[in-house]
């Protein structure tokens, strides 16, 4: 039962930080696509 209470509390916190979480994911994905474009220009260099 305590696990269920902890889970609902955690999900509420996640919903509050969901916007910032999506924002961080967008930034990371943009950086990733830039890195992938750089990697495609230099196919022999692997990070």
N, C-alpha and C. Protein backbone atom coordinates (compact mmCIF):
# COMPACT_ATOMS: atom_id res chain seq x y z
N UNK A 1 0.84 -1.21 0.00
CA UNK A 1 0.00 0.00 0.00
C UNK A 1 0.87 1.26 0.00
N UNK A 2 1.94 1.21 0.74
CA UNK A 2 2.83 2.37 0.77
C UNK A 2 3.46 2.60 -0.60
N UNK A 3 3.69 1.51 -1.33
CA UNK A 3 4.24 1.64 -2.68
C UNK A 3 3.26 2.39 -3.59
N UNK A 4 1.97 2.07 -3.46
CA UNK A 4 0.96 2.73 -4.27
C UNK A 4 0.89 4.23 -3.96
N UNK A 5 0.96 4.57 -2.68
CA UNK A 5 0.93 5.99 -2.28
C UNK A 5 2.17 6.70 -2.83
N UNK A 6 3.31 6.06 -2.72
CA UNK A 6 4.55 6.65 -3.23
C UNK A 6 4.47 6.83 -4.74
N UNK A 7 3.86 5.86 -5.41
CA UNK A 7 3.76 5.92 -6.87
C UNK A 7 2.86 7.09 -7.30
N UNK A 8 1.72 7.28 -6.64
CA UNK A 8 0.83 8.37 -7.00
C UNK A 8 1.50 9.72 -6.70
N UNK A 9 2.22 9.81 -5.61
CA UNK A 9 2.93 11.04 -5.29
C UNK A 9 3.99 11.34 -6.35
N UNK A 10 4.69 10.31 -6.76
CA UNK A 10 5.72 10.48 -7.78
C UNK A 10 5.11 10.89 -9.12
N UNK A 11 3.97 10.30 -9.48
CA UNK A 11 3.32 10.63 -10.75
C UNK A 11 2.81 12.08 -10.72
N UNK A 12 2.35 12.55 -9.56
CA UNK A 12 1.92 13.95 -9.46
C UNK A 12 3.10 14.89 -9.66
N UNK A 13 4.23 14.54 -9.07
CA UNK A 13 5.43 15.37 -9.25
C UNK A 13 5.89 15.33 -10.71
N UNK A 14 5.74 14.18 -11.34
CA UNK A 14 6.15 14.06 -12.73
C UNK A 14 5.26 14.90 -13.63
N UNK A 15 3.98 14.95 -13.33
CA UNK A 15 3.08 15.78 -14.14
C UNK A 15 3.43 17.26 -14.00
N UNK A 16 3.84 17.67 -12.82
CA UNK A 16 4.23 19.07 -12.62
C UNK A 16 5.50 19.38 -13.39
N UNK A 17 6.45 18.46 -13.40
CA UNK A 17 7.72 18.68 -14.08
C UNK A 17 7.71 18.12 -15.50
N UNK A 18 6.52 17.76 -15.98
CA UNK A 18 6.41 17.16 -17.32
C UNK A 18 6.77 18.18 -18.39
N UNK A 19 6.36 19.43 -18.19
CA UNK A 19 6.64 20.47 -19.19
C UNK A 19 8.14 20.69 -19.32
N UNK A 20 8.82 20.86 -18.19
CA UNK A 20 10.26 21.08 -18.23
C UNK A 20 10.97 19.83 -18.76
N UNK A 21 10.43 18.66 -18.44
CA UNK A 21 11.02 17.40 -18.92
C UNK A 21 10.95 17.33 -20.44
N UNK A 22 9.79 17.69 -21.01
CA UNK A 22 9.64 17.69 -22.47
C UNK A 22 10.57 18.74 -23.09
N UNK A 23 10.71 19.88 -22.41
CA UNK A 23 11.59 20.93 -22.92
C UNK A 23 13.04 20.45 -22.98
N UNK A 24 13.47 19.76 -21.91
CA UNK A 24 14.83 19.21 -21.88
C UNK A 24 15.00 18.17 -22.99
N UNK A 25 13.98 17.34 -23.20
CA UNK A 25 14.06 16.32 -24.25
C UNK A 25 14.18 16.98 -25.62
N UNK A 26 13.46 18.06 -25.83
CA UNK A 26 13.55 18.77 -27.11
C UNK A 26 14.96 19.31 -27.33
N UNK A 27 15.56 19.91 -26.29
CA UNK A 27 16.91 20.45 -26.40
C UNK A 27 17.90 19.33 -26.71
N UNK A 28 17.78 18.23 -25.98
CA UNK A 28 18.70 17.11 -26.18
C UNK A 28 18.55 16.53 -27.58
N UNK A 29 17.30 16.38 -28.05
CA UNK A 29 17.08 15.82 -29.38
C UNK A 29 17.62 16.75 -30.46
N UNK A 30 17.50 18.07 -30.25
CA UNK A 30 18.05 19.02 -31.22
C UNK A 30 19.57 18.90 -31.27
N UNK A 31 20.21 18.81 -30.10
CA UNK A 31 21.65 18.64 -30.06
C UNK A 31 22.05 17.32 -30.71
N UNK A 32 21.25 16.29 -30.48
CA UNK A 32 21.55 14.97 -31.05
C UNK A 32 21.48 15.02 -32.57
N UNK A 33 20.47 15.69 -33.12
CA UNK A 33 20.35 15.77 -34.57
C UNK A 33 21.52 16.56 -35.15
N UNK A 34 21.97 17.61 -34.46
CA UNK A 34 23.13 18.37 -34.92
C UNK A 34 24.37 17.49 -34.92
N UNK A 35 24.53 16.72 -33.85
CA UNK A 35 25.68 15.81 -33.78
C UNK A 35 25.60 14.75 -34.87
N UNK A 36 24.40 14.26 -35.15
CA UNK A 36 24.24 13.26 -36.21
C UNK A 36 24.56 13.85 -37.58
N UNK A 37 24.18 15.11 -37.81
CA UNK A 37 24.50 15.75 -39.08
C UNK A 37 26.01 15.92 -39.22
N UNK A 38 26.68 16.30 -38.13
CA UNK A 38 28.14 16.42 -38.15
C UNK A 38 28.79 15.06 -38.39
N UNK A 39 28.20 14.03 -37.79
CA UNK A 39 28.75 12.68 -37.94
C UNK A 39 28.57 12.17 -39.37
N UNK A 40 27.47 12.55 -40.02
CA UNK A 40 27.25 12.10 -41.39
C UNK A 40 28.23 12.79 -42.33
N UNK A 41 28.63 14.02 -42.00
CA UNK A 41 29.63 14.71 -42.82
C UNK A 41 30.99 14.02 -42.70
N UNK A 42 31.29 13.50 -41.50
CA UNK A 42 32.54 12.79 -41.28
C UNK A 42 32.22 11.34 -40.90
N UNK A 43 32.02 10.49 -41.88
CA UNK A 43 31.54 9.13 -41.57
C UNK A 43 32.59 8.26 -40.88
N UNK A 44 33.87 8.58 -41.04
CA UNK A 44 34.91 7.72 -40.47
C UNK A 44 35.21 8.05 -39.03
N UNK A 45 34.75 9.22 -38.56
CA UNK A 45 34.97 9.60 -37.15
C UNK A 45 33.75 9.18 -36.35
N UNK A 46 33.95 8.35 -35.33
CA UNK A 46 32.84 7.91 -34.48
C UNK A 46 33.05 8.44 -33.07
N UNK A 47 32.00 9.00 -32.51
CA UNK A 47 32.09 9.54 -31.16
C UNK A 47 31.98 8.43 -30.13
